[in-house]
């Protein structure tokens, strides 16, 4: 899903870092915001800068400074307007209730962790010689031929899934 500010949100290619959950009554706004910075990242896994976040939110009509974003993340300020929270939520691709509701926060954090794990799995897979060779050869095909290869892969994948299901039913 493309964000209005030009960044891609809710995409596995942006997620990185590691999950760490503190026990207790609930995390502060600063902890939740820090968690989003650490887990919703650029394609290369680096965090967005305060300037990037503030500029993107401001471009959507909600004026916010990079220093205010920093203060919120560090816990120096803890009472932002709803518009600021909505801007932050939109930037990071989470519902604004992420900042208010622990059930929502927990659900979103589980989704982020799943996406991060999938990203790592896909990155590992993409580094294999077989996948690189297939991608290189596919790049030399016409659009029609690539579509045929994609359809063939879908058939093979569904067949493998069916075999796995039959195997697990026999256990």
C-alpha atoms as a PDB file:
ATOM      1  CA  UNK A   1       0.000   0.000   0.000  1.00  0.00           C
ATOM      2  CA  UNK A   2       1.568   3.282  -1.040  1.00  0.00           C
ATOM      3  CA  UNK A   3       1.507   6.092   1.429  1.00  0.00           C
ATOM      4  CA  UNK A   4       0.422   9.519   0.299  1.00  0.00           C
ATOM      5  CA  UNK A   5       3.836  10.882   1.223  1.00  0.00           C
ATOM      6  CA  UNK A   6       5.632   8.575  -1.181  1.00  0.00           C
ATOM      7  CA  UNK A   7       6.881   5.916   1.215  1.00  0.00           C
ATOM      8  CA  UNK A   8       5.538   2.390   1.084  1.00  0.00           C
ATOM      9  CA  UNK A   9       3.792   1.285   4.223  1.00  0.00           C
ATOM     10  CA  UNK A  10       2.814  -2.056   5.664  1.00  0.00           C
ATOM     11  CA  UNK A  11       5.290  -3.812   3.474  1.00  0.00           C
ATOM     12  CA  UNK A  12       7.637  -6.525   4.552  1.00  0.00           C
ATOM     13  CA  UNK A  13      10.488  -4.865   2.734  1.00  0.00           C
ATOM     14  CA  UNK A  14      10.444  -2.062   5.243  1.00  0.00           C
ATOM     15  CA  UNK A  15      10.413  -4.000   8.418  1.00  0.00           C
ATOM     16  CA  UNK A  16      13.494  -4.792  10.408  1.00  0.00           C
ATOM     17  CA  UNK A  17      14.839  -4.782  13.903  1.00  0.00           C
ATOM     18  CA  UNK A  18      13.772  -7.121  16.664  1.00  0.00           C
ATOM     19  CA  UNK A  19      10.775  -7.391  18.901  1.00  0.00           C
ATOM     20  CA  UNK A  20      11.144  -6.578  22.564  1.00  0.00           C
ATOM     21  CA  UNK A  21       8.100  -6.427  24.796  1.00  0.00           C
ATOM     22  CA  UNK A  22       8.154  -4.939  28.251  1.00  0.00           C
ATOM     23  CA  UNK A  23       5.888  -6.419  30.887  1.00  0.00           C
ATOM     24  CA  UNK A  24       3.653  -4.119  32.834  1.00  0.00           C
ATOM     25  CA  UNK A  25       0.487  -2.089  32.512  1.00  0.00           C
ATOM     26  CA  UNK A  26       1.257  -0.821  29.030  1.00  0.00           C
ATOM     27  CA  UNK A  27       3.850   0.993  27.062  1.00  0.00           C
ATOM     28  CA  UNK A  28       4.144   4.746  26.959  1.00  0.00           C
ATOM     29  CA  UNK A  29       3.634   6.792  23.816  1.00  0.00           C
ATOM     30  CA  UNK A  30       7.417   7.178  23.591  1.00  0.00           C
ATOM     31  CA  UNK A  31       7.939   3.407  23.772  1.00  0.00           C
ATOM     32  CA  UNK A  32       5.320   2.757  21.111  1.00  0.00           C
ATOM     33  CA  UNK A  33       6.707   5.436  18.828  1.00  0.00           C
ATOM     34  CA  UNK A  34      10.235   4.120  19.337  1.00  0.00           C
ATOM     35  CA  UNK A  35       8.971   0.650  18.470  1.00  0.00           C
ATOM     36  CA  UNK A  36       7.479   1.932  15.207  1.00  0.00           C
ATOM     37  CA  UNK A  37      10.695   3.720  14.255  1.00  0.00           C
ATOM     38  CA  UNK A  38      12.624   0.499  14.876  1.00  0.00           C
ATOM     39  CA  UNK A  39      10.240  -1.794  12.995  1.00  0.00           C
ATOM     40  CA  UNK A  40       8.846   0.243  10.098  1.00  0.00           C
ATOM     41  CA  UNK A  41      11.984   1.071   8.187  1.00  0.00           C
ATOM     42  CA  UNK A  42      13.356   1.733   4.737  1.00  0.00           C
ATOM     43  CA  UNK A  43      13.972  -1.134   2.333  1.00  0.00           C
ATOM     44  CA  UNK A  44      17.564  -1.349   3.553  1.00  0.00           C
ATOM     45  CA  UNK A  45      16.433  -1.669   7.175  1.00  0.00           C
ATOM     46  CA  UNK A  46      17.498   1.789   8.354  1.00  0.00           C
ATOM     47  CA  UNK A  47      15.158   3.990  10.334  1.00  0.00           C
ATOM     48  CA  UNK A  48      13.473   7.017   8.883  1.00  0.00           C
ATOM     49  CA  UNK A  49      14.915  10.308  10.116  1.00  0.00           C
ATOM     50  CA  UNK A  50      12.907  12.740  12.209  1.00  0.00           C
ATOM     51  CA  UNK A  51      13.141  15.146   9.292  1.00  0.00           C
ATOM     52  CA  UNK A  52      11.627  12.604   6.885  1.00  0.00           C
ATOM     53  CA  UNK A  53       8.778  11.816   9.260  1.00  0.00           C
ATOM     54  CA  UNK A  54       8.027  15.471  10.020  1.00  0.00           C
ATOM     55  CA  UNK A  55       8.247  16.495   6.359  1.00  0.00           C
ATOM     56  CA  UNK A  56       5.907  13.717   5.239  1.00  0.00           C
ATOM     57  CA  UNK A  57       3.342  14.533   7.922  1.00  0.00           C
ATOM     58  CA  UNK A  58       3.571  18.267   7.225  1.00  0.00           C
ATOM     59  CA  UNK A  59       3.127  17.587   3.499  1.00  0.00           C
ATOM     60  CA  UNK A  60      -0.225  16.025   4.390  1.00  0.00           C
ATOM     61  CA  UNK A  61      -1.362  19.231   6.070  1.00  0.00           C
ATOM     62  CA  UNK A  62      -0.440  18.594   9.698  1.00  0.00           C
ATOM     63  CA  UNK A  63       2.374  20.885  10.775  1.00  0.00           C
ATOM     64  CA  UNK A  64       4.900  19.093  12.959  1.00  0.00           C
ATOM     65  CA  UNK A  65       8.614  19.695  13.475  1.00  0.00           C
ATOM     66  CA  UNK A  66      11.379  17.126  13.517  1.00  0.00           C
ATOM     67  CA  UNK A  67      12.320  18.262  17.025  1.00  0.00           C
ATOM     68  CA  UNK A  68       8.753  17.630  18.229  1.00  0.00           C
ATOM     69  CA  UNK A  69       8.819  14.131  16.709  1.00  0.00           C
ATOM     70  CA  UNK A  70      12.127  13.552  18.540  1.00  0.00           C
ATOM     71  CA  UNK A  71      10.640  14.856  21.807  1.00  0.00           C
ATOM     72  CA  UNK A  72       7.656  12.518  21.475  1.00  0.00           C
ATOM     73  CA  UNK A  73       9.893   9.546  20.755  1.00  0.00           C
ATOM     74  CA  UNK A  74      12.203  10.317  23.681  1.00  0.00           C
ATOM     75  CA  UNK A  75       9.353  10.989  26.117  1.00  0.00           C
ATOM     76  CA  UNK A  76      10.245  14.660  26.552  1.00  0.00           C
ATOM     77  CA  UNK A  77       6.720  15.522  25.368  1.00  0.00           C
ATOM     78  CA  UNK A  78       3.792  13.213  25.947  1.00  0.00           C
ATOM     79  CA  UNK A  79       0.591  15.046  25.099  1.00  0.00           C
ATOM     80  CA  UNK A  80       0.386  15.440  21.306  1.00  0.00           C
ATOM     81  CA  UNK A  81      -2.745  16.521  19.495  1.00  0.00           C
ATOM     82  CA  UNK A  82      -4.930  13.921  17.846  1.00  0.00           C
ATOM     83  CA  UNK A  83      -3.870  15.369  14.483  1.00  0.00           C
ATOM     84  CA  UNK A  84      -0.216  14.716  15.329  1.00  0.00           C
ATOM     85  CA  UNK A  85      -0.992  11.168  16.411  1.00  0.00           C
ATOM     86  CA  UNK A  86      -3.024  10.589  13.244  1.00  0.00           C
ATOM     87  CA  UNK A  87      -0.140  11.917  11.159  1.00  0.00           C
ATOM     88  CA  UNK A  88       2.309   9.600  12.900  1.00  0.00           C
ATOM     89  CA  UNK A  89      -0.068   6.654  12.544  1.00  0.00           C
ATOM     90  CA  UNK A  90      -0.542   7.379   8.836  1.00  0.00           C
ATOM     91  CA  UNK A  91       3.190   7.665   8.275  1.00  0.00           C
ATOM     92  CA  UNK A  92       3.928   4.333   9.949  1.00  0.00           C
ATOM     93  CA  UNK A  93       0.864   2.622   8.469  1.00  0.00           C
ATOM     94  CA  UNK A  94      -0.851   1.748  11.739  1.00  0.00           C
ATOM     95  CA  UNK A  95      -4.278   2.702  13.075  1.00  0.00           C
ATOM     96  CA  UNK A  96      -4.267   5.714  15.383  1.00  0.00           C
ATOM     97  CA  UNK A  97      -5.693   3.426  18.082  1.00  0.00           C
ATOM     98  CA  UNK A  98      -2.234   1.819  18.185  1.00  0.00           C
ATOM     99  CA  UNK A  99      -1.265   4.638  20.548  1.00  0.00           C
ATOM    100  CA  UNK A 100      -4.317   4.232  22.838  1.00  0.00           C
ATOM    101  CA  UNK A 101      -5.333   0.595  22.939  1.00  0.00           C
ATOM    102  CA  UNK A 102      -2.968  -2.147  24.134  1.00  0.00           C
ATOM    103  CA  UNK A 103      -4.951  -4.860  22.330  1.00  0.00           C
ATOM    104  CA  UNK A 104      -4.508  -2.997  19.047  1.00  0.00           C
ATOM    105  CA  UNK A 105      -0.834  -2.333  19.833  1.00  0.00           C
ATOM    106  CA  UNK A 106      -0.233  -5.999  20.577  1.00  0.00           C
ATOM    107  CA  UNK A 107      -2.025  -7.126  17.401  1.00  0.00           C
ATOM    108  CA  UNK A 108      -0.103  -4.653  15.221  1.00  0.00           C
ATOM    109  CA  UNK A 109       3.188  -5.602  16.875  1.00  0.00           C
ATOM    110  CA  UNK A 110       2.518  -9.298  16.159  1.00  0.00           C
ATOM    111  CA  UNK A 111       1.814  -8.403  12.519  1.00  0.00           C
ATOM    112  CA  UNK A 112       5.024  -6.381  12.334  1.00  0.00           C
ATOM    113  CA  UNK A 113       6.995  -9.282  13.788  1.00  0.00           C
ATOM    114  CA  UNK A 114       5.430 -11.714  11.308  1.00  0.00           C
ATOM    115  CA  UNK A 115       6.268  -9.405   8.411  1.00  0.00           C
ATOM    116  CA  UNK A 116       9.821  -8.972   9.700  1.00  0.00           C
ATOM    117  CA  UNK A 117      10.254 -12.755   9.871  1.00  0.00           C
ATOM    118  CA  UNK A 118       8.850 -13.137   6.350  1.00  0.00           C
ATOM    119  CA  UNK A 119      11.223 -10.455   5.114  1.00  0.00           C
ATOM    120  CA  UNK A 120      14.171 -12.342   6.594  1.00  0.00           C
ATOM    121  CA  UNK A 121      12.956 -15.611   5.060  1.00  0.00           C
ATOM    122  CA  UNK A 122      12.516 -14.021   1.624  1.00  0.00           C
ATOM    123  CA  UNK A 123      15.899 -12.311   1.856  1.00  0.00           C
ATOM    124  CA  UNK A 124      17.505 -15.670   2.659  1.00  0.00           C
ATOM    125  CA  UNK A 125      15.677 -17.356  -0.204  1.00  0.00           C
ATOM    126  CA  UNK A 126      16.578 -14.591  -2.656  1.00  0.00           C
ATOM    127  CA  UNK A 127      20.259 -15.133  -1.907  1.00  0.00           C
ATOM    128  CA  UNK A 128      20.239 -18.732  -3.145  1.00  0.00           C
ATOM    129  CA  UNK A 129      21.865 -19.498  -6.483  1.00  0.00           C
ATOM    130  CA  UNK A 130      18.731 -21.212  -7.804  1.00  0.00           C
ATOM    131  CA  UNK A 131      16.512 -18.201  -7.184  1.00  0.00           C
ATOM    132  CA  UNK A 132      19.061 -15.814  -8.655  1.00  0.00           C
ATOM    133  CA  UNK A 133      19.357 -17.944 -11.779  1.00  0.00           C
ATOM    134  CA  UNK A 134      15.566 -18.128 -12.177  1.00  0.00           C
ATOM    135  CA  UNK A 135      15.232 -14.376 -11.728  1.00  0.00           C
ATOM    136  CA  UNK A 136      18.011 -13.684 -14.207  1.00  0.00           C
ATOM    137  CA  UNK A 137      16.456 -15.941 -16.820  1.00  0.00           C
ATOM    138  CA  UNK A 138      12.961 -14.597 -16.171  1.00  0.00           C
ATOM    139  CA  UNK A 139      14.251 -11.089 -16.758  1.00  0.00           C
ATOM    140  CA  UNK A 140      15.224 -12.090 -20.283  1.00  0.00           C
ATOM    141  CA  UNK A 141      11.723 -13.373 -21.131  1.00  0.00           C
ATOM    142  CA  UNK A 142       8.947 -11.421 -22.785  1.00  0.00           C
ATOM    143  CA  UNK A 143       6.028 -10.302 -20.628  1.00  0.00           C
ATOM    144  CA  UNK A 144       3.833 -13.092 -22.021  1.00  0.00           C
ATOM    145  CA  UNK A 145       6.443 -15.750 -21.274  1.00  0.00           C
ATOM    146  CA  UNK A 146       6.981 -14.423 -17.730  1.00  0.00           C
ATOM    147  CA  UNK A 147       3.221 -14.711 -17.195  1.00  0.00           C
ATOM    148  CA  UNK A 148       3.383 -18.354 -18.328  1.00  0.00           C
ATOM    149  CA  UNK A 149       6.242 -19.041 -15.902  1.00  0.00           C
ATOM    150  CA  UNK A 150       4.309 -17.353 -13.082  1.00  0.00           C
ATOM    151  CA  UNK A 151       1.238 -19.477 -13.834  1.00  0.00           C
ATOM    152  CA  UNK A 152       3.363 -22.634 -13.898  1.00  0.00           C
ATOM    153  CA  UNK A 153       4.899 -21.714 -10.538  1.00  0.00           C
ATOM    154  CA  UNK A 154       1.402 -21.207  -9.124  1.00  0.00           C
ATOM    155  CA  UNK A 155       0.389 -24.709 -10.260  1.00  0.00           C
ATOM    156  CA  UNK A 156       3.546 -26.277  -8.803  1.00  0.00           C
ATOM    157  CA  UNK A 157       3.123 -24.348  -5.526  1.00  0.00           C
ATOM    158  CA  UNK A 158      -0.535 -25.424  -5.146  1.00  0.00           C
ATOM    159  CA  UNK A 159       0.463 -29.029  -5.842  1.00  0.00           C
ATOM    160  CA  UNK A 160       3.173 -28.845  -3.177  1.00  0.00           C
ATOM    161  CA  UNK A 161       0.721 -27.337  -0.667  1.00  0.00           C
ATOM    162  CA  UNK A 162      -1.746 -30.153  -1.364  1.00  0.00           C
ATOM    163  CA  UNK A 163       1.005 -32.751  -0.863  1.00  0.00           C
ATOM    164  CA  UNK A 164       1.936 -31.150   2.461  1.00  0.00           C
ATOM    165  CA  UNK A 165      -1.681 -31.187   3.607  1.00  0.00           C
ATOM    166  CA  UNK A 166      -2.050 -34.851   2.683  1.00  0.00           C
ATOM    167  CA  UNK A 167       1.192 -35.602   4.525  1.00  0.00           C
ATOM    168  CA  UNK A 168       0.103 -33.801   7.683  1.00  0.00           C
ATOM    169  CA  UNK A 169      -3.246 -35.642   7.658  1.00  0.00           C
ATOM    170  CA  UNK A 170      -1.398 -38.964   7.645  1.00  0.00           C
ATOM    171  CA  UNK A 171       0.601 -38.062  10.774  1.00  0.00           C
END
